[in-house]
Amino acid sequence: MKILKILIVLLLSLALPVPVYANTSTITNEQFNDIMLLAKVINGEAGANWCSDEMRYGVGSVVANRVQHEAFPDTYKEVIYQSGQYGCLNTRYFKEVPPEHCVAIAADIIIGGNNKYPPDVVYQSNQPLGSGTYEHIQNMYFGYI
């Protein structure tokens, strides 16, 4: 676990602007686990080469919003493993070590606070869900509660 934590700190220092992440050596185990789990979901849901970083940020932002929203569980792990929510959980894309760019986006959302969506955007699907669509990127819709 210690080696993985050192690896993520190194990846973050290479992939992201240093001023924002100057304090990454002090990330907690919980933050590390959240970053890796979120990176796996980003990879599983939007990791294909044709997916844009904008779409990847959308996926990560929806998960982060769910963690903060009263209608969903309170942790990244509980949100991600909530029954019926993320179809990627049983794919190799979720099970493998996530690529560097997905880790960087997850860290940017969790540590850097760069959630791209308003707090009530909590749905992501290949069809419109919720009370309305906030954004449609490629084949993915991001919707309001």
N, C-alpha and C. Protein backbone atom coordinates (compact mmCIF):
# COMPACT_ATOMS: atom_id res chain seq x y z
N MET A 1 0.83 -1.19 0.00
CA MET A 1 0.00 0.00 0.00
C MET A 1 0.88 1.25 0.00
N LYS A 2 1.97 1.24 0.78
CA LYS A 2 2.86 2.39 0.86
C LYS A 2 3.48 2.68 -0.52
N ILE A 3 3.86 1.62 -1.24
CA ILE A 3 4.44 1.80 -2.57
C ILE A 3 3.42 2.42 -3.52
N LEU A 4 2.17 1.97 -3.46
CA LEU A 4 1.13 2.55 -4.31
C LEU A 4 0.91 4.02 -3.98
N LYS A 5 0.95 4.36 -2.70
CA LYS A 5 0.75 5.75 -2.30
C LYS A 5 1.89 6.62 -2.84
N ILE A 6 3.10 6.12 -2.77
CA ILE A 6 4.26 6.85 -3.31
C ILE A 6 4.09 7.00 -4.83
N LEU A 7 3.63 5.93 -5.49
CA LEU A 7 3.42 5.98 -6.93
C LEU A 7 2.40 7.04 -7.32
N ILE A 8 1.30 7.11 -6.61
CA ILE A 8 0.29 8.11 -6.96
C ILE A 8 0.81 9.52 -6.73
N VAL A 9 1.58 9.72 -5.67
CA VAL A 9 2.18 11.04 -5.43
C VAL A 9 3.10 11.41 -6.58
N LEU A 10 3.87 10.45 -7.07
CA LEU A 10 4.75 10.71 -8.21
C LEU A 10 3.94 11.00 -9.47
N LEU A 11 2.90 10.21 -9.71
CA LEU A 11 2.05 10.45 -10.87
C LEU A 11 1.41 11.83 -10.82
N LEU A 12 0.93 12.19 -9.65
CA LEU A 12 0.30 13.51 -9.51
C LEU A 12 1.29 14.63 -9.76
N SER A 13 2.50 14.46 -9.28
CA SER A 13 3.48 15.53 -9.46
C SER A 13 3.89 15.67 -10.92
N LEU A 14 3.80 14.59 -11.69
CA LEU A 14 4.14 14.66 -13.11
C LEU A 14 2.97 15.12 -13.97
N ALA A 15 1.76 14.75 -13.58
CA ALA A 15 0.61 14.96 -14.44
C ALA A 15 -0.15 16.25 -14.18
N LEU A 16 0.05 16.87 -13.04
CA LEU A 16 -0.76 18.03 -12.68
C LEU A 16 0.12 19.22 -12.30
N PRO A 17 -0.42 20.41 -12.37
CA PRO A 17 0.36 21.59 -12.00
C PRO A 17 0.83 21.49 -10.55
N VAL A 18 2.11 21.74 -10.35
CA VAL A 18 2.72 21.60 -9.02
C VAL A 18 2.11 22.52 -7.96
N PRO A 19 1.81 23.80 -8.24
CA PRO A 19 1.27 24.65 -7.18
C PRO A 19 -0.01 24.12 -6.55
N VAL A 20 -0.89 23.54 -7.34
CA VAL A 20 -2.15 23.02 -6.81
C VAL A 20 -1.90 21.79 -5.95
N TYR A 21 -0.89 21.01 -6.29
CA TYR A 21 -0.66 19.73 -5.63
C TYR A 21 0.66 19.68 -4.87
N ALA A 22 1.13 20.82 -4.43
CA ALA A 22 2.40 20.86 -3.72
C ALA A 22 2.36 20.04 -2.44
N ASN A 23 1.16 19.81 -1.88
CA ASN A 23 1.04 19.11 -0.60
C ASN A 23 0.56 17.67 -0.77
N THR A 24 0.80 17.05 -1.96
CA THR A 24 0.28 15.71 -2.20
C THR A 24 0.97 14.65 -1.36
N SER A 25 2.14 14.93 -0.83
CA SER A 25 2.81 13.92 -0.01
C SER A 25 2.07 13.68 1.30
N THR A 26 1.11 14.54 1.62
CA THR A 26 0.37 14.36 2.86
C THR A 26 -1.06 13.89 2.63
N ILE A 27 -1.32 13.31 1.47
CA ILE A 27 -2.68 12.81 1.26
C ILE A 27 -2.91 11.64 2.22
N THR A 28 -4.13 11.54 2.68
CA THR A 28 -4.47 10.48 3.62
C THR A 28 -4.73 9.18 2.86
N ASN A 29 -4.74 8.08 3.59
CA ASN A 29 -5.07 6.80 2.97
C ASN A 29 -6.47 6.84 2.37
N GLU A 30 -7.40 7.51 3.05
CA GLU A 30 -8.77 7.62 2.54
C GLU A 30 -8.79 8.38 1.22
N GLN A 31 -8.05 9.49 1.13
CA GLN A 31 -7.98 10.26 -0.11
C GLN A 31 -7.36 9.42 -1.23
N PHE A 32 -6.30 8.71 -0.89
CA PHE A 32 -5.65 7.84 -1.88
C PHE A 32 -6.63 6.80 -2.40
N ASN A 33 -7.33 6.13 -1.50
CA ASN A 33 -8.29 5.11 -1.90
C ASN A 33 -9.42 5.71 -2.74
N ASP A 34 -9.90 6.89 -2.35
CA ASP A 34 -10.95 7.56 -3.11
C ASP A 34 -10.48 7.93 -4.51
N ILE A 35 -9.27 8.43 -4.62
CA ILE A 35 -8.70 8.81 -5.92
C ILE A 35 -8.60 7.59 -6.83
N MET A 36 -8.07 6.50 -6.29
CA MET A 36 -7.91 5.30 -7.11
C MET A 36 -9.27 4.72 -7.53
N LEU A 37 -10.22 4.72 -6.62
CA LEU A 37 -11.55 4.20 -6.93
C LEU A 37 -12.25 5.07 -7.96
N LEU A 38 -12.17 6.39 -7.79
CA LEU A 38 -12.78 7.30 -8.76
C LEU A 38 -12.09 7.17 -10.12
N ALA A 39 -10.78 7.02 -10.13
CA ALA A 39 -10.05 6.84 -11.39
C ALA A 39 -10.49 5.57 -12.10
N LYS A 40 -10.77 4.51 -11.35
CA LYS A 40 -11.25 3.26 -11.95
C LYS A 40 -12.63 3.45 -12.58
N VAL A 41 -13.52 4.20 -11.92
CA VAL A 41 -14.84 4.46 -12.49
C VAL A 41 -14.71 5.34 -13.73
N ILE A 42 -13.88 6.36 -13.67
CA ILE A 42 -13.66 7.22 -14.84
C ILE A 42 -13.16 6.37 -16.00
N ASN A 43 -12.21 5.49 -15.73
CA ASN A 43 -11.69 4.61 -16.78
C ASN A 43 -12.76 3.66 -17.29
N GLY A 44 -13.54 3.10 -16.37
CA GLY A 44 -14.58 2.16 -16.76
C GLY A 44 -15.71 2.79 -17.55
N GLU A 45 -16.07 4.00 -17.21
CA GLU A 45 -17.21 4.68 -17.85
C GLU A 45 -16.80 5.52 -19.06
N ALA A 46 -15.58 6.07 -19.04
CA ALA A 46 -15.16 6.99 -20.11
C ALA A 46 -13.68 6.86 -20.43
N GLY A 47 -13.15 5.66 -20.35
CA GLY A 47 -11.73 5.45 -20.57
C GLY A 47 -11.32 5.19 -22.00
N ALA A 48 -12.29 4.95 -22.86
CA ALA A 48 -11.97 4.67 -24.27
C ALA A 48 -11.23 5.84 -24.89
N ASN A 49 -10.41 5.53 -25.87
CA ASN A 49 -9.61 6.57 -26.52
C ASN A 49 -10.47 7.66 -27.15
N TRP A 50 -11.67 7.32 -27.60
CA TRP A 50 -12.52 8.32 -28.24
C TRP A 50 -13.23 9.24 -27.24
N CYS A 51 -13.18 8.89 -25.95
CA CYS A 51 -13.81 9.73 -24.93
C CYS A 51 -12.92 10.94 -24.62
N SER A 52 -13.53 12.07 -24.48
CA SER A 52 -12.78 13.29 -24.19
C SER A 52 -12.52 13.43 -22.70
N ASP A 53 -11.53 14.24 -22.35
CA ASP A 53 -11.29 14.54 -20.94
C ASP A 53 -12.50 15.26 -20.33
N GLU A 54 -13.20 16.02 -21.15
CA GLU A 54 -14.41 16.69 -20.68
C GLU A 54 -15.43 15.65 -20.19
N MET A 55 -15.57 14.55 -20.93
CA MET A 55 -16.48 13.48 -20.53
C MET A 55 -15.96 12.81 -19.26
N ARG A 56 -14.66 12.61 -19.18
CA ARG A 56 -14.07 11.97 -17.99
C ARG A 56 -14.30 12.85 -16.75
N TYR A 57 -14.10 14.16 -16.89
CA TYR A 57 -14.39 15.07 -15.77
C TYR A 57 -15.87 15.01 -15.40
N GLY A 58 -16.73 14.86 -16.40
CA GLY A 58 -18.16 14.76 -16.13
C GLY A 58 -18.48 13.54 -15.27
N VAL A 59 -17.93 12.39 -15.63
CA VAL A 59 -18.15 11.17 -14.86
C VAL A 59 -17.66 11.37 -13.42
N GLY A 60 -16.46 11.87 -13.27
CA GLY A 60 -15.90 12.08 -11.93
C GLY A 60 -16.68 13.10 -11.12
N SER A 61 -17.14 14.14 -11.79
CA SER A 61 -17.90 15.19 -11.10
C SER A 61 -19.25 14.68 -10.60
N VAL A 62 -19.89 13.83 -11.39
CA VAL A 62 -21.17 13.25 -10.97
C VAL A 62 -20.96 12.39 -9.72
N VAL A 63 -19.92 11.57 -9.71
CA VAL A 63 -19.64 10.74 -8.52
C VAL A 63 -19.39 11.64 -7.31
N ALA A 64 -18.56 12.67 -7.48
CA ALA A 64 -18.27 13.59 -6.38
C ALA A 64 -19.54 14.28 -5.88
N ASN A 65 -20.41 14.69 -6.79
CA ASN A 65 -21.67 15.31 -6.40
C ASN A 65 -22.56 14.35 -5.62
N ARG A 66 -22.57 13.09 -6.03
CA ARG A 66 -23.37 12.11 -5.31
C ARG A 66 -22.88 11.93 -3.87
N VAL A 67 -21.59 11.92 -3.69
CA VAL A 67 -21.03 11.78 -2.34
C VAL A 67 -21.53 12.92 -1.44
N GLN A 68 -21.69 14.10 -1.99
CA GLN A 68 -22.11 15.27 -1.22
C GLN A 68 -23.64 15.42 -1.12
N HIS A 69 -24.38 14.72 -1.98
CA HIS A 69 -25.83 14.91 -2.04
C HIS A 69 -26.55 14.01 -1.03
N GLU A 70 -27.56 14.55 -0.39
CA GLU A 70 -28.31 13.82 0.65
C GLU A 70 -29.05 12.58 0.12
N ALA A 71 -29.33 12.51 -1.16
CA ALA A 71 -30.07 11.38 -1.72
C ALA A 71 -29.19 10.16 -2.00
N PHE A 72 -27.88 10.30 -1.80
CA PHE A 72 -26.94 9.22 -2.11
C PHE A 72 -26.06 8.93 -0.89
N PRO A 73 -25.36 7.79 -0.93
CA PRO A 73 -24.45 7.47 0.19
C PRO A 73 -23.37 8.54 0.37
N ASP A 74 -22.68 8.48 1.50
CA ASP A 74 -21.75 9.54 1.90
C ASP A 74 -20.28 9.32 1.52
N THR A 75 -19.94 8.18 0.96
CA THR A 75 -18.53 7.93 0.62
C THR A 75 -18.41 7.55 -0.85
N TYR A 76 -17.21 7.72 -1.39
CA TYR A 76 -16.97 7.32 -2.78
C TYR A 76 -17.23 5.82 -2.96
N LYS A 77 -16.75 5.03 -2.04
CA LYS A 77 -16.93 3.58 -2.13
C LYS A 77 -18.41 3.21 -2.15
N GLU A 78 -19.19 3.79 -1.25
CA GLU A 78 -20.62 3.46 -1.18
C GLU A 78 -21.36 3.94 -2.43
N VAL A 79 -21.03 5.12 -2.93
CA VAL A 79 -21.67 5.64 -4.15
C VAL A 79 -21.34 4.73 -5.33
N ILE A 80 -20.09 4.38 -5.48
CA ILE A 80 -19.65 3.61 -6.64
C ILE A 80 -20.20 2.18 -6.62
N TYR A 81 -20.26 1.59 -5.44
CA TYR A 81 -20.74 0.21 -5.34
C TYR A 81 -22.24 0.11 -5.08
N GLN A 82 -22.95 1.23 -5.07
CA GLN A 82 -24.39 1.19 -4.88
C GLN A 82 -25.02 0.36 -6.01
N SER A 83 -25.88 -0.54 -5.64
CA SER A 83 -26.48 -1.49 -6.57
C SER A 83 -27.10 -0.80 -7.79
N GLY A 84 -26.74 -1.30 -8.97
CA GLY A 84 -27.35 -0.84 -10.21
C GLY A 84 -26.84 0.49 -10.74
N GLN A 85 -25.79 1.06 -10.16
CA GLN A 85 -25.37 2.39 -10.57
C GLN A 85 -24.28 2.41 -11.64
N TYR A 86 -23.26 1.61 -11.50
CA TYR A 86 -22.14 1.67 -12.44
C TYR A 86 -21.91 0.30 -13.08
N GLY A 87 -22.28 0.20 -14.35
CA GLY A 87 -22.16 -1.05 -15.08
C GLY A 87 -20.73 -1.47 -15.34
N CYS A 88 -19.79 -0.58 -15.15
CA CYS A 88 -18.39 -0.89 -15.44
C CYS A 88 -17.72 -1.72 -14.35
N LEU A 89 -18.37 -1.94 -13.23
CA LEU A 89 -17.72 -2.60 -12.09
C LEU A 89 -17.22 -4.00 -12.41
N ASN A 90 -17.85 -4.68 -13.33
CA ASN A 90 -17.45 -6.04 -13.67
C ASN A 90 -16.63 -6.13 -14.94
N THR A 91 -16.10 -5.01 -15.39
CA THR A 91 -15.29 -5.00 -16.61
C THR A 91 -13.82 -4.93 -16.27
N ARG A 92 -13.01 -5.29 -17.24
CA ARG A 92 -11.55 -5.21 -17.02
C ARG A 92 -11.09 -3.75 -16.85
N TYR A 93 -11.85 -2.83 -17.42
CA TYR A 93 -11.48 -1.42 -17.32
C TYR A 93 -11.56 -0.92 -15.88
N PHE A 94 -12.47 -1.48 -15.12
CA PHE A 94 -12.58 -1.11 -13.70
C PHE A 94 -11.57 -1.91 -12.87
N LYS A 95 -11.33 -3.15 -13.24
CA LYS A 95 -10.49 -4.03 -12.42
C LYS A 95 -9.00 -3.76 -12.59
N GLU A 96 -8.60 -3.19 -13.73
CA GLU A 96 -7.17 -2.94 -13.95
C GLU A 96 -6.73 -1.65 -13.27
N VAL A 97 -5.42 -1.49 -13.15
CA VAL A 97 -4.88 -0.24 -12.61
C VAL A 97 -5.27 0.86 -13.59
N PRO A 98 -5.90 1.92 -13.11
CA PRO A 98 -6.36 2.97 -14.04
C PRO A 98 -5.19 3.71 -14.68
N PRO A 99 -5.39 4.18 -15.91
CA PRO A 99 -4.33 4.93 -16.58
C PRO A 99 -4.05 6.26 -15.88
N GLU A 100 -2.86 6.74 -16.11
CA GLU A 100 -2.37 7.96 -15.47
C GLU A 100 -3.32 9.14 -15.64
N HIS A 101 -3.87 9.32 -16.85
CA HIS A 101 -4.74 10.49 -17.08
C HIS A 101 -6.03 10.39 -16.25
N CYS A 102 -6.53 9.19 -16.02
CA CYS A 102 -7.73 9.03 -15.18
C CYS A 102 -7.41 9.30 -13.71
N VAL A 103 -6.22 8.88 -13.27
CA VAL A 103 -5.79 9.16 -11.90
C VAL A 103 -5.63 10.68 -11.72
N ALA A 104 -5.06 11.33 -12.71
CA ALA A 104 -4.85 12.78 -12.63
C ALA A 104 -6.19 13.53 -12.54
N ILE A 105 -7.18 13.11 -13.32
CA ILE A 105 -8.49 13.75 -13.28
C ILE A 105 -9.16 13.51 -11.93
N ALA A 106 -9.10 12.27 -11.45
CA ALA A 106 -9.69 11.95 -10.14
C ALA A 106 -9.05 12.78 -9.05
N ALA A 107 -7.75 12.91 -9.07
CA ALA A 107 -7.05 13.72 -8.06
C ALA A 107 -7.41 15.19 -8.19
N ASP A 108 -7.55 15.66 -9.41
CA ASP A 108 -7.92 17.05 -9.63
C ASP A 108 -9.30 17.35 -9.04
N ILE A 109 -10.20 16.38 -9.13
CA ILE A 109 -11.55 16.55 -8.57
C ILE A 109 -11.52 16.46 -7.05
N ILE A 110 -10.84 15.43 -6.51
CA ILE A 110 -10.87 15.18 -5.06
C ILE A 110 -9.95 16.12 -4.30
N ILE A 111 -8.72 16.26 -4.73
CA ILE A 111 -7.76 17.11 -4.00
C ILE A 111 -7.83 18.56 -4.47
N GLY A 112 -7.92 18.74 -5.78
CA GLY A 112 -7.93 20.09 -6.34
C GLY A 112 -9.27 20.79 -6.28
N GLY A 113 -10.33 20.03 -6.00
CA GLY A 113 -11.66 20.63 -5.91
C GLY A 113 -12.22 21.08 -7.25
N ASN A 114 -11.72 20.49 -8.35
CA ASN A 114 -12.16 20.91 -9.68
C ASN A 114 -13.34 20.09 -10.19
N ASN A 115 -14.41 20.11 -9.43
CA ASN A 115 -15.66 19.50 -9.86
C ASN A 115 -16.24 20.44 -10.92
N LYS A 116 -16.55 19.91 -12.07
CA LYS A 116 -16.98 20.74 -13.20
C LYS A 116 -18.48 21.04 -13.22
N TYR A 117 -19.26 20.38 -12.34
CA TYR A 117 -20.71 20.51 -12.41
C TYR A 117 -21.31 21.10 -11.13
N PRO A 118 -22.48 21.73 -11.27
CA PRO A 118 -23.22 22.19 -10.09
C PRO A 118 -23.58 20.99 -9.21
N PRO A 119 -23.79 21.20 -7.91
CA PRO A 119 -24.03 20.10 -6.98
C PRO A 119 -25.23 19.22 -7.29
N ASP A 120 -26.22 19.73 -8.01
CA ASP A 120 -27.42 18.93 -8.28
C ASP A 120 -27.35 18.13 -9.59
N VAL A 121 -26.18 18.08 -10.22
CA VAL A 121 -25.97 17.22 -11.38
C VAL A 121 -25.42 15.89 -10.85
N VAL A 122 -26.34 14.91 -10.75
CA VAL A 122 -25.98 13.65 -10.11
C VAL A 122 -26.26 12.42 -10.98
N TYR A 123 -26.63 12.65 -12.23
CA TYR A 123 -26.91 11.53 -13.13
C TYR A 123 -26.00 11.58 -14.35
N GLN A 124 -25.58 10.39 -14.77
CA GLN A 124 -24.76 10.23 -15.96
C GLN A 124 -25.21 8.95 -16.63
N SER A 125 -25.58 9.06 -17.92
CA SER A 125 -26.11 7.89 -18.63
C SER A 125 -26.01 8.12 -20.13
N ASN A 126 -26.28 7.06 -20.89
CA ASN A 126 -26.31 7.23 -22.35
C ASN A 126 -27.70 7.66 -22.82
N GLN A 127 -28.56 8.03 -21.87
CA GLN A 127 -29.88 8.60 -22.18
C GLN A 127 -30.21 9.65 -21.11
N PRO A 128 -31.07 10.58 -21.42
CA PRO A 128 -31.42 11.60 -20.42
C PRO A 128 -32.06 10.98 -19.18
N LEU A 129 -31.65 11.44 -18.01
CA LEU A 129 -32.19 11.01 -16.73
C LEU A 129 -32.44 12.23 -15.86
N GLY A 130 -33.26 12.06 -14.84
CA GLY A 130 -33.49 13.13 -13.88
C GLY A 130 -34.46 14.18 -14.39
N SER A 131 -34.37 15.35 -13.79
CA SER A 131 -35.32 16.43 -14.10
C SER A 131 -34.92 17.26 -15.31
N GLY A 132 -33.76 16.99 -15.87
CA GLY A 132 -33.32 17.74 -17.04
C GLY A 132 -31.85 17.46 -17.33
N THR A 133 -31.43 17.77 -18.52
CA THR A 133 -30.04 17.55 -18.93
C THR A 133 -29.23 18.81 -18.71
N TYR A 134 -28.14 18.68 -17.97
CA TYR A 134 -27.22 19.79 -17.78
C TYR A 134 -26.28 19.89 -18.97
N GLU A 135 -25.80 18.73 -19.43
CA GLU A 135 -24.84 18.71 -20.52
C GLU A 135 -24.91 17.37 -21.25
N HIS A 136 -24.66 17.40 -22.54
CA HIS A 136 -24.60 16.20 -23.38
C HIS A 136 -23.25 16.21 -24.05
N ILE A 137 -22.41 15.23 -23.72
CA ILE A 137 -21.06 15.14 -24.29
C ILE A 137 -20.95 13.81 -25.02
N GLN A 138 -20.67 13.89 -26.30
CA GLN A 138 -20.56 12.71 -27.15
C GLN A 138 -21.81 11.84 -26.96
N ASN A 139 -21.68 10.65 -26.38
CA ASN A 139 -22.86 9.79 -26.22
C ASN A 139 -23.38 9.77 -24.78
N MET A 140 -22.96 10.71 -23.95
CA MET A 140 -23.31 10.68 -22.54
C MET A 140 -24.07 11.93 -22.12
N TYR A 141 -25.12 11.70 -21.33
CA TYR A 141 -25.92 12.79 -20.78
C TYR A 141 -25.60 12.93 -19.29
N PHE A 142 -25.55 14.17 -18.83
CA PHE A 142 -25.33 14.49 -17.43
C PHE A 142 -26.55 15.28 -16.96
N GLY A 143 -27.26 14.73 -15.97
CA GLY A 143 -28.55 15.31 -15.62
C GLY A 143 -28.71 15.72 -14.18
N TYR A 144 -29.70 16.61 -13.99
CA TYR A 144 -30.08 17.11 -12.67
C TYR A 144 -30.89 16.07 -11.92
N ILE A 145 -30.84 16.15 -10.59
CA ILE A 145 -31.66 15.27 -9.76
C ILE A 145 -33.13 15.52 -10.02
